[in-house]
Amino acid sequence: MIVGISNREEFICYTFEKNKLYYKILPQILKKINIVVPDFYEPSGKLTDATKITDSYSYYSNTKSKILEVIGEKRIMLFFFSIDKLKLNSLIDKIAEYKKPKKDY
């Protein structure tokens, strides 16, 4: 679930809720951008649980696109470089859900 978006000139950052579904979503994104999908499975055969990872980063790329993944204590951020922002927004809209912000009033 997406909890935030930061749109900068040099990149766009999507902030994801840290949950067990994250490693089901990320491969779909990488495939659509034509980046080789790494093995997200543990030696036991189970899909990696993002909730058990803290303070790490990974880098995914091909000749045209670059993605930096940062996993913190409560959130996961994906920084997309050199990717058409309109196409990226359309892709993310099809794959992930947006979390509605809570009203503070």
N, C-alpha and C. Protein backbone atom coordinates (compact mmCIF):
# COMPACT_ATOMS: atom_id res chain seq x y z
N MET A 1 0.84 -1.17 0.00
CA MET A 1 0.00 0.00 0.00
C MET A 1 0.88 1.24 0.00
N ILE A 2 0.59 2.18 -0.87
CA ILE A 2 1.36 3.41 -1.00
C ILE A 2 0.83 4.43 0.01
N VAL A 3 1.75 5.01 0.78
CA VAL A 3 1.35 6.00 1.77
C VAL A 3 1.84 7.41 1.41
N GLY A 4 2.69 7.52 0.38
CA GLY A 4 3.16 8.85 -0.01
C GLY A 4 3.90 8.83 -1.33
N ILE A 5 3.92 10.00 -1.97
CA ILE A 5 4.64 10.18 -3.24
C ILE A 5 5.39 11.50 -3.16
N SER A 6 6.64 11.48 -3.60
CA SER A 6 7.43 12.70 -3.68
C SER A 6 7.92 12.82 -5.11
N ASN A 7 7.50 13.86 -5.78
CA ASN A 7 7.82 14.05 -7.20
C ASN A 7 8.87 15.15 -7.34
N ARG A 8 10.08 14.76 -7.66
CA ARG A 8 11.19 15.70 -7.84
C ARG A 8 11.59 15.72 -9.32
N GLU A 9 12.38 16.69 -9.67
CA GLU A 9 12.82 16.79 -11.07
C GLU A 9 13.67 15.60 -11.47
N GLU A 10 14.57 15.16 -10.60
CA GLU A 10 15.50 14.09 -10.97
C GLU A 10 15.01 12.68 -10.62
N PHE A 11 13.96 12.57 -9.80
CA PHE A 11 13.42 11.26 -9.46
C PHE A 11 11.99 11.42 -8.94
N ILE A 12 11.33 10.26 -8.82
CA ILE A 12 10.03 10.21 -8.15
C ILE A 12 10.15 9.13 -7.08
N CYS A 13 9.66 9.40 -5.89
CA CYS A 13 9.76 8.46 -4.78
C CYS A 13 8.37 8.04 -4.33
N TYR A 14 8.15 6.74 -4.28
CA TYR A 14 6.92 6.18 -3.73
C TYR A 14 7.27 5.60 -2.37
N THR A 15 6.48 5.94 -1.36
CA THR A 15 6.67 5.40 -0.02
C THR A 15 5.59 4.36 0.22
N PHE A 16 6.03 3.16 0.53
CA PHE A 16 5.12 2.04 0.75
C PHE A 16 5.02 1.71 2.23
N GLU A 17 3.85 1.24 2.60
CA GLU A 17 3.66 0.70 3.94
C GLU A 17 4.49 -0.58 4.03
N LYS A 18 5.14 -0.77 5.13
CA LYS A 18 5.97 -1.96 5.29
C LYS A 18 5.08 -3.12 5.72
N ASN A 19 4.88 -4.07 4.79
CA ASN A 19 4.04 -5.23 5.11
C ASN A 19 4.52 -6.45 4.33
N LYS A 20 3.88 -7.58 4.59
CA LYS A 20 4.30 -8.84 3.98
C LYS A 20 4.03 -8.92 2.49
N LEU A 21 3.16 -8.08 1.97
CA LEU A 21 2.82 -8.11 0.55
C LEU A 21 3.82 -7.38 -0.34
N TYR A 22 4.73 -6.64 0.25
CA TYR A 22 5.64 -5.80 -0.53
C TYR A 22 6.41 -6.60 -1.59
N TYR A 23 6.94 -7.76 -1.21
CA TYR A 23 7.74 -8.54 -2.17
C TYR A 23 6.88 -9.31 -3.18
N LYS A 24 5.57 -9.14 -3.12
CA LYS A 24 4.70 -9.61 -4.20
C LYS A 24 4.49 -8.48 -5.21
N ILE A 25 4.55 -7.25 -4.73
CA ILE A 25 4.34 -6.08 -5.58
C ILE A 25 5.61 -5.70 -6.33
N LEU A 26 6.75 -5.69 -5.63
CA LEU A 26 8.00 -5.24 -6.25
C LEU A 26 8.37 -6.00 -7.53
N PRO A 27 8.27 -7.33 -7.58
CA PRO A 27 8.61 -8.03 -8.83
C PRO A 27 7.74 -7.58 -10.01
N GLN A 28 6.47 -7.29 -9.75
CA GLN A 28 5.60 -6.82 -10.82
C GLN A 28 6.11 -5.48 -11.39
N ILE A 29 6.53 -4.61 -10.50
CA ILE A 29 7.05 -3.30 -10.94
C ILE A 29 8.33 -3.49 -11.75
N LEU A 30 9.25 -4.31 -11.24
CA LEU A 30 10.52 -4.53 -11.94
C LEU A 30 10.30 -5.15 -13.32
N LYS A 31 9.40 -6.13 -13.42
CA LYS A 31 9.12 -6.76 -14.72
C LYS A 31 8.60 -5.75 -15.73
N LYS A 32 7.68 -4.89 -15.31
CA LYS A 32 7.10 -3.90 -16.22
C LYS A 32 8.12 -2.88 -16.70
N ILE A 33 9.17 -2.66 -15.93
CA ILE A 33 10.21 -1.69 -16.31
C ILE A 33 11.38 -2.41 -16.99
N ASN A 34 11.24 -3.72 -17.19
CA ASN A 34 12.26 -4.55 -17.84
C ASN A 34 13.56 -4.61 -17.05
N ILE A 35 13.43 -4.74 -15.74
CA ILE A 35 14.59 -4.96 -14.87
C ILE A 35 14.53 -6.41 -14.40
N VAL A 36 15.66 -7.08 -14.43
CA VAL A 36 15.72 -8.48 -14.01
C VAL A 36 15.29 -8.57 -12.55
N VAL A 37 14.37 -9.48 -12.28
CA VAL A 37 13.83 -9.65 -10.93
C VAL A 37 14.75 -10.59 -10.15
N PRO A 38 15.31 -10.09 -9.04
CA PRO A 38 16.14 -10.97 -8.21
C PRO A 38 15.29 -11.99 -7.46
N ASP A 39 15.95 -12.93 -6.85
CA ASP A 39 15.26 -13.96 -6.07
C ASP A 39 14.89 -13.38 -4.70
N PHE A 40 13.60 -13.22 -4.45
CA PHE A 40 13.13 -12.68 -3.18
C PHE A 40 12.69 -13.79 -2.22
N TYR A 41 13.18 -15.00 -2.46
CA TYR A 41 12.81 -16.12 -1.61
C TYR A 41 13.96 -16.48 -0.68
N GLU A 42 13.61 -16.85 0.54
CA GLU A 42 14.59 -17.28 1.53
C GLU A 42 15.01 -18.71 1.22
N PRO A 43 16.13 -19.16 1.79
CA PRO A 43 16.56 -20.56 1.55
C PRO A 43 15.49 -21.59 1.91
N SER A 44 14.61 -21.24 2.85
CA SER A 44 13.54 -22.17 3.25
C SER A 44 12.45 -22.29 2.18
N GLY A 45 12.48 -21.39 1.17
CA GLY A 45 11.48 -21.42 0.12
C GLY A 45 10.36 -20.42 0.33
N LYS A 46 10.35 -19.73 1.46
CA LYS A 46 9.32 -18.74 1.74
C LYS A 46 9.72 -17.39 1.15
N LEU A 47 8.72 -16.63 0.73
CA LEU A 47 8.94 -15.29 0.22
C LEU A 47 9.46 -14.41 1.36
N THR A 48 10.46 -13.60 1.07
CA THR A 48 11.04 -12.72 2.08
C THR A 48 9.96 -11.83 2.68
N ASP A 49 10.00 -11.66 3.98
CA ASP A 49 9.04 -10.84 4.71
C ASP A 49 9.67 -9.47 4.96
N ALA A 50 9.18 -8.45 4.28
CA ALA A 50 9.74 -7.10 4.39
C ALA A 50 9.63 -6.55 5.80
N THR A 51 8.68 -7.03 6.59
CA THR A 51 8.52 -6.51 7.95
C THR A 51 9.69 -6.92 8.85
N LYS A 52 10.47 -7.88 8.43
CA LYS A 52 11.62 -8.34 9.22
C LYS A 52 12.93 -7.69 8.79
N ILE A 53 12.86 -6.77 7.83
CA ILE A 53 14.06 -6.09 7.32
C ILE A 53 14.03 -4.64 7.77
N THR A 54 15.15 -4.16 8.28
CA THR A 54 15.24 -2.76 8.71
C THR A 54 16.60 -2.20 8.32
N ASP A 55 16.60 -0.95 7.93
CA ASP A 55 17.83 -0.22 7.60
C ASP A 55 18.66 -0.93 6.54
N SER A 56 18.06 -1.12 5.38
CA SER A 56 18.79 -1.71 4.26
C SER A 56 18.44 -0.97 2.97
N TYR A 57 19.26 -1.17 1.98
CA TYR A 57 18.95 -0.60 0.67
C TYR A 57 19.37 -1.58 -0.41
N SER A 58 18.70 -1.48 -1.54
CA SER A 58 19.02 -2.29 -2.72
C SER A 58 18.93 -1.40 -3.94
N TYR A 59 19.61 -1.82 -4.98
CA TYR A 59 19.66 -1.05 -6.21
C TYR A 59 19.31 -1.97 -7.36
N TYR A 60 18.34 -1.57 -8.17
CA TYR A 60 17.91 -2.35 -9.34
C TYR A 60 18.06 -1.46 -10.57
N SER A 61 18.56 -2.02 -11.67
CA SER A 61 18.73 -1.17 -12.85
C SER A 61 18.80 -1.99 -14.13
N ASN A 62 18.62 -1.27 -15.23
CA ASN A 62 18.91 -1.77 -16.56
C ASN A 62 19.58 -0.61 -17.30
N THR A 63 19.71 -0.68 -18.60
CA THR A 63 20.41 0.38 -19.32
C THR A 63 19.66 1.71 -19.32
N LYS A 64 18.35 1.69 -19.09
CA LYS A 64 17.55 2.92 -19.14
C LYS A 64 17.03 3.38 -17.79
N SER A 65 16.83 2.48 -16.86
CA SER A 65 16.14 2.82 -15.62
C SER A 65 16.94 2.41 -14.39
N LYS A 66 16.75 3.18 -13.32
CA LYS A 66 17.41 2.88 -12.05
C LYS A 66 16.39 3.03 -10.93
N ILE A 67 16.43 2.09 -9.98
CA ILE A 67 15.55 2.15 -8.83
C ILE A 67 16.39 1.90 -7.57
N LEU A 68 16.24 2.79 -6.61
CA LEU A 68 16.88 2.63 -5.32
C LEU A 68 15.79 2.29 -4.31
N GLU A 69 15.97 1.21 -3.58
CA GLU A 69 15.01 0.77 -2.57
C GLU A 69 15.64 0.99 -1.19
N VAL A 70 14.93 1.70 -0.31
CA VAL A 70 15.39 1.93 1.05
C VAL A 70 14.33 1.39 2.00
N ILE A 71 14.74 0.47 2.86
CA ILE A 71 13.81 -0.11 3.83
C ILE A 71 14.18 0.39 5.21
N GLY A 72 13.25 1.12 5.82
CA GLY A 72 13.46 1.65 7.15
C GLY A 72 12.68 0.86 8.18
N GLU A 73 12.51 1.46 9.35
CA GLU A 73 11.82 0.78 10.43
C GLU A 73 10.33 0.61 10.15
N LYS A 74 9.70 1.65 9.56
CA LYS A 74 8.24 1.61 9.37
C LYS A 74 7.80 1.73 7.92
N ARG A 75 8.67 2.16 7.03
CA ARG A 75 8.29 2.41 5.64
C ARG A 75 9.35 1.87 4.67
N ILE A 76 8.93 1.73 3.43
CA ILE A 76 9.83 1.36 2.33
C ILE A 76 9.71 2.43 1.27
N MET A 77 10.84 2.94 0.81
CA MET A 77 10.84 3.98 -0.21
C MET A 77 11.50 3.45 -1.48
N LEU A 78 10.83 3.67 -2.61
CA LEU A 78 11.40 3.33 -3.91
C LEU A 78 11.64 4.63 -4.67
N PHE A 79 12.89 4.89 -5.01
CA PHE A 79 13.27 6.07 -5.77
C PHE A 79 13.48 5.64 -7.22
N PHE A 80 12.70 6.20 -8.12
CA PHE A 80 12.77 5.85 -9.55
C PHE A 80 13.50 6.96 -10.29
N PHE A 81 14.59 6.60 -10.95
CA PHE A 81 15.38 7.53 -11.75
C PHE A 81 15.27 7.15 -13.23
N SER A 82 15.29 8.13 -14.09
CA SER A 82 15.31 7.90 -15.55
C SER A 82 14.12 7.09 -16.04
N ILE A 83 12.97 7.31 -15.45
CA ILE A 83 11.77 6.60 -15.85
C ILE A 83 10.69 7.64 -16.17
N ASP A 84 10.01 7.46 -17.30
CA ASP A 84 8.94 8.36 -17.67
C ASP A 84 7.90 8.41 -16.56
N LYS A 85 7.69 9.58 -15.98
CA LYS A 85 6.83 9.71 -14.80
C LYS A 85 5.37 9.38 -15.09
N LEU A 86 4.88 9.74 -16.24
CA LEU A 86 3.48 9.41 -16.57
C LEU A 86 3.28 7.90 -16.70
N LYS A 87 4.21 7.23 -17.36
CA LYS A 87 4.12 5.78 -17.50
C LYS A 87 4.27 5.11 -16.14
N LEU A 88 5.17 5.63 -15.31
CA LEU A 88 5.37 5.06 -13.99
C LEU A 88 4.11 5.20 -13.14
N ASN A 89 3.51 6.37 -13.15
CA ASN A 89 2.28 6.59 -12.38
C ASN A 89 1.18 5.63 -12.83
N SER A 90 1.04 5.44 -14.12
CA SER A 90 0.04 4.53 -14.66
C SER A 90 0.32 3.10 -14.20
N LEU A 91 1.57 2.70 -14.25
CA LEU A 91 1.98 1.36 -13.84
C LEU A 91 1.69 1.13 -12.35
N ILE A 92 2.11 2.06 -11.52
CA ILE A 92 1.92 1.92 -10.08
C ILE A 92 0.43 1.89 -9.74
N ASP A 93 -0.36 2.71 -10.43
CA ASP A 93 -1.81 2.73 -10.19
C ASP A 93 -2.44 1.35 -10.41
N LYS A 94 -1.91 0.58 -11.37
CA LYS A 94 -2.46 -0.73 -11.69
C LYS A 94 -2.00 -1.81 -10.70
N ILE A 95 -0.83 -1.62 -10.08
CA ILE A 95 -0.23 -2.66 -9.25
C ILE A 95 -0.50 -2.47 -7.76
N ALA A 96 -0.44 -1.23 -7.29
CA ALA A 96 -0.54 -0.98 -5.86
C ALA A 96 -1.74 -0.11 -5.51
N GLU A 97 -2.13 -0.18 -4.26
CA GLU A 97 -3.24 0.64 -3.76
C GLU A 97 -2.67 1.82 -2.98
N TYR A 98 -3.45 2.89 -2.93
CA TYR A 98 -3.07 4.06 -2.17
C TYR A 98 -3.83 4.07 -0.84
N LYS A 99 -3.12 4.38 0.21
CA LYS A 99 -3.76 4.47 1.52
C LYS A 99 -4.30 5.87 1.70
N LYS A 100 -5.56 5.98 2.07
CA LYS A 100 -6.16 7.29 2.28
C LYS A 100 -5.63 7.88 3.58
N PRO A 101 -5.22 9.14 3.55
CA PRO A 101 -4.72 9.76 4.79
C PRO A 101 -5.84 9.96 5.80
N LYS A 102 -5.46 9.90 7.07
CA LYS A 102 -6.44 10.16 8.12
C LYS A 102 -6.68 11.65 8.22
N LYS A 103 -7.91 12.01 8.49
CA LYS A 103 -8.26 13.43 8.67
C LYS A 103 -7.91 13.82 10.10
N ASP A 104 -7.23 14.96 10.23
CA ASP A 104 -6.79 15.43 11.53
C ASP A 104 -7.69 16.49 12.12
N TYR A 105 -8.93 16.55 11.73
CA TYR A 105 -9.83 17.58 12.28
C TYR A 105 -11.10 16.98 12.80
